[in-house]
């Protein structure tokens, strides 16, 4: 896969869904399993996970982007809903919107897309009840074929500069970013995001 084709494919999927007037579900081939934490942690099918995410997004009148925690550890996936947190692109759902993934993001495009939604709509919705496991770094194909430390660092710098420091390097995980707990002071004064 070419480094820019993931973002192009994401945007094509968004446009195709929105042209039909439906939500877009983005699912990575890195997916291993889903689990749901109510009442106890148990495995669910992909269809059940999509239905749960749809209900979460559909019930929110403001957010246009919904997703799940970037961890499969239930301890770190609380509380039920968070509204200013990172939405991992490997399993997310988007209501019709003019917002698209930034073609300049050959990696970490989901951080950029999360921040675009926070700037444009003031919130996203992340449902901590639904967990998934992904093979992000050892799955052949996709970003693993072109991911290098140099590309990771270049993309991190791009996003830190683009978003006025609303994201910053994760000191505990190499080549990872964190969105600030309150990103809005960093986003203040930025122009609304236009459709790309």
Protein backbone atom coordinates (compact mmCIF):
# COMPACT_ATOMS: atom_id res chain seq x y z
CA UNK A 1 0.00 0.00 0.00
CA UNK A 2 1.31 3.45 -0.85
CA UNK A 3 1.78 5.79 2.08
CA UNK A 4 -0.95 8.15 0.90
CA UNK A 5 -3.50 5.54 -0.19
CA UNK A 6 -4.84 4.88 3.33
CA UNK A 7 -5.99 8.48 3.71
CA UNK A 8 -7.35 8.47 0.14
CA UNK A 9 -9.27 5.26 0.89
CA UNK A 10 -10.61 6.69 4.16
CA UNK A 11 -11.82 9.82 2.37
CA UNK A 12 -13.33 7.80 -0.48
CA UNK A 13 -15.25 5.71 2.05
CA UNK A 14 -16.50 8.86 3.79
CA UNK A 15 -17.69 10.40 0.53
CA UNK A 16 -19.36 7.19 -0.65
CA UNK A 17 -21.31 6.83 2.61
CA UNK A 18 -22.26 10.49 2.85
CA UNK A 19 -23.44 10.55 -0.78
CA UNK A 20 -25.89 7.82 0.23
CA UNK A 21 -26.89 9.76 3.36
CA UNK A 22 -25.55 7.17 5.80
CA UNK A 23 -22.84 7.07 8.46
CA UNK A 24 -19.37 5.82 7.52
CA UNK A 25 -17.87 2.95 9.51
CA UNK A 26 -14.07 2.76 9.26
CA UNK A 27 -12.58 -0.63 10.21
CA UNK A 28 -8.92 -1.66 10.03
CA UNK A 29 -7.71 -5.03 8.80
CA UNK A 30 -5.47 -4.99 11.91
CA UNK A 31 -8.54 -5.89 14.00
CA UNK A 32 -8.27 -9.04 16.15
CA UNK A 33 -11.34 -8.98 18.42
CA UNK A 34 -14.01 -6.87 20.18
CA UNK A 35 -15.12 -7.08 23.79
CA UNK A 36 -17.96 -5.28 25.55
CA UNK A 37 -17.87 -4.37 29.25
CA UNK A 38 -21.56 -4.58 30.16
CA UNK A 39 -22.43 -6.21 32.50
CA UNK A 40 -19.15 -8.13 32.45
CA UNK A 41 -16.39 -8.16 29.85
CA UNK A 42 -17.40 -10.53 27.04
CA UNK A 43 -16.58 -10.97 23.37
CA UNK A 44 -18.95 -9.52 20.76
CA UNK A 45 -19.08 -9.78 16.97
CA UNK A 46 -18.06 -6.98 14.63
CA UNK A 47 -21.71 -6.40 13.71
CA UNK A 48 -22.66 -6.04 17.37
CA UNK A 49 -19.74 -3.65 17.91
CA UNK A 50 -20.85 -1.54 14.93
CA UNK A 51 -24.43 -1.43 16.23
CA UNK A 52 -23.23 -0.33 19.68
CA UNK A 53 -21.07 2.41 18.18
CA UNK A 54 -23.96 3.54 15.95
CA UNK A 55 -26.25 3.88 18.98
CA UNK A 56 -23.60 5.88 20.82
CA UNK A 57 -23.06 8.29 17.92
CA UNK A 58 -26.70 8.52 16.88
CA UNK A 59 -27.78 9.48 20.42
CA UNK A 60 -25.30 12.41 20.49
CA UNK A 61 -26.75 15.50 18.80
CA UNK A 62 -23.44 17.38 18.47
CA UNK A 63 -20.64 14.89 17.81
CA UNK A 64 -20.04 13.66 14.26
CA UNK A 65 -17.21 11.25 15.14
CA UNK A 66 -17.42 8.29 17.52
CA UNK A 67 -14.98 5.58 18.42
CA UNK A 68 -13.42 3.40 21.04
CA UNK A 69 -10.42 3.65 23.36
CA UNK A 70 -7.00 2.97 21.82
CA UNK A 71 -6.41 0.22 24.38
CA UNK A 72 -7.85 -3.22 25.04
CA UNK A 73 -7.23 -2.82 28.79
CA UNK A 74 -10.57 -2.25 30.58
CA UNK A 75 -8.83 -0.36 33.40
CA UNK A 76 -7.79 2.44 31.05
CA UNK A 77 -11.04 2.47 29.08
CA UNK A 78 -13.22 4.26 31.63
CA UNK A 79 -15.58 6.14 31.92
CA UNK A 80 -18.38 5.13 29.57
CA UNK A 81 -18.26 8.21 27.33
CA UNK A 82 -15.54 10.80 26.87
CA UNK A 83 -16.03 13.81 24.63
CA UNK A 84 -12.58 15.36 24.08
CA UNK A 85 -10.41 12.28 23.67
CA UNK A 86 -8.56 10.62 20.82
CA UNK A 87 -10.66 8.52 18.44
CA UNK A 88 -8.60 5.70 16.96
CA UNK A 89 -9.16 5.40 13.22
CA UNK A 90 -9.06 1.61 13.26
CA UNK A 91 -12.69 1.46 14.39
CA UNK A 92 -14.66 4.67 14.19
CA UNK A 93 -17.96 5.92 12.85
CA UNK A 94 -18.63 9.30 11.22
CA UNK A 95 -21.91 11.13 10.64
CA UNK A 96 -22.15 12.99 7.33
CA UNK A 97 -19.79 15.97 7.52
CA UNK A 98 -17.67 18.03 5.14
CA UNK A 99 -14.55 17.10 7.16
CA UNK A 100 -12.05 14.74 5.56
CA UNK A 101 -8.75 13.19 6.60
CA UNK A 102 -5.71 15.38 5.84
CA UNK A 103 -3.84 13.98 2.81
CA UNK A 104 -0.58 15.31 4.29
CA UNK A 105 -0.91 12.81 7.14
CA UNK A 106 0.75 9.62 5.98
CA UNK A 107 0.67 8.39 9.59
CA UNK A 108 -1.39 9.43 12.63
CA UNK A 109 -4.23 10.70 10.44
CA UNK A 110 -6.71 9.76 13.17
CA UNK A 111 -5.16 12.26 15.61
CA UNK A 112 -5.59 14.99 13.02
CA UNK A 113 -9.16 13.92 12.25
CA UNK A 114 -10.08 13.86 15.95
CA UNK A 115 -8.75 17.40 16.40
CA UNK A 116 -10.55 18.60 13.27
CA UNK A 117 -13.81 17.36 14.77
CA UNK A 118 -13.06 18.94 18.13
CA UNK A 119 -12.36 22.27 16.44
CA UNK A 120 -15.38 22.10 14.13
CA UNK A 121 -18.02 20.54 16.42
CA UNK A 122 -16.61 21.00 19.93
CA UNK A 123 -16.74 17.29 20.75
CA UNK A 124 -16.34 13.70 19.68
CA UNK A 125 -17.70 10.70 21.59
CA UNK A 126 -15.55 7.78 22.71
CA UNK A 127 -17.39 4.84 24.23
CA UNK A 128 -15.25 3.12 26.87
CA UNK A 129 -17.58 0.12 27.11
CA UNK A 130 -16.39 -1.24 23.77
CA UNK A 131 -12.81 -2.53 23.51
CA UNK A 132 -10.86 -3.95 20.59
CA UNK A 133 -7.43 -5.44 20.02
CA UNK A 134 -5.39 -4.52 16.95
CA UNK A 135 -2.08 -5.69 15.48
CA UNK A 136 -0.72 -2.20 14.82
CA UNK A 137 2.99 -2.83 14.55
CA UNK A 138 3.39 -6.43 13.40
CA UNK A 139 0.69 -6.78 10.74
CA UNK A 140 2.13 -6.89 7.22
CA UNK A 141 0.81 -4.40 4.71
CA UNK A 142 -0.54 -0.93 5.27
CA UNK A 143 1.35 1.53 7.43
CA UNK A 144 3.68 -1.19 8.75
CA UNK A 145 5.29 -1.37 5.30
CA UNK A 146 6.44 2.25 5.36
CA UNK A 147 6.44 3.21 9.07
CA UNK A 148 9.90 4.32 10.23
CA UNK A 149 11.09 6.33 13.21
CA UNK A 150 11.93 9.22 10.87
CA UNK A 151 8.43 9.26 9.35
CA UNK A 152 6.84 8.94 12.78
CA UNK A 153 8.83 11.92 14.11
CA UNK A 154 8.15 14.03 11.03
CA UNK A 155 4.41 13.38 11.32
CA UNK A 156 4.43 14.08 15.05
CA UNK A 157 6.11 17.46 14.44
CA UNK A 158 3.65 18.24 11.65
CA UNK A 159 0.67 17.59 13.94
CA UNK A 160 2.14 19.41 16.95
CA UNK A 161 2.73 22.49 14.78
CA UNK A 162 -0.55 22.25 12.90
CA UNK A 163 -2.59 22.01 16.10
CA UNK A 164 -0.69 24.60 18.19
CA UNK A 165 0.45 21.99 20.70
CA UNK A 166 -2.99 20.43 21.32
CA UNK A 167 -1.10 17.14 20.83
CA UNK A 168 2.22 16.31 22.41
CA UNK A 169 4.64 13.32 22.51
CA UNK A 170 3.72 10.48 24.84
CA UNK A 171 6.69 10.14 27.19
CA UNK A 172 5.79 6.50 27.97
CA UNK A 173 5.33 5.18 24.43
CA UNK A 174 7.77 5.68 21.61
CA UNK A 175 6.41 7.43 18.51
CA UNK A 176 3.01 8.03 20.08
CA UNK A 177 1.08 11.25 20.70
CA UNK A 178 -1.44 12.32 23.30
CA UNK A 179 -4.23 14.84 22.92
CA UNK A 180 -4.26 17.24 25.86
CA UNK A 181 -6.97 16.74 28.45
CA UNK A 182 -8.32 20.15 27.55
CA UNK A 183 -7.26 20.84 23.97
CA UNK A 184 -9.53 23.85 23.50
CA UNK A 185 -7.15 26.58 24.74
CA UNK A 186 -4.69 25.35 22.09
CA UNK A 187 -7.39 25.36 19.40
CA UNK A 188 -8.65 28.83 20.31
CA UNK A 189 -8.18 31.28 17.49
CA UNK A 190 -7.68 28.60 14.85
CA UNK A 191 -9.75 28.93 11.71
CA UNK A 192 -12.60 26.43 11.36
CA UNK A 193 -11.51 23.35 9.45
CA UNK A 194 -12.63 23.33 5.83
CA UNK A 195 -13.49 20.22 3.86
CA UNK A 196 -10.37 18.82 2.26
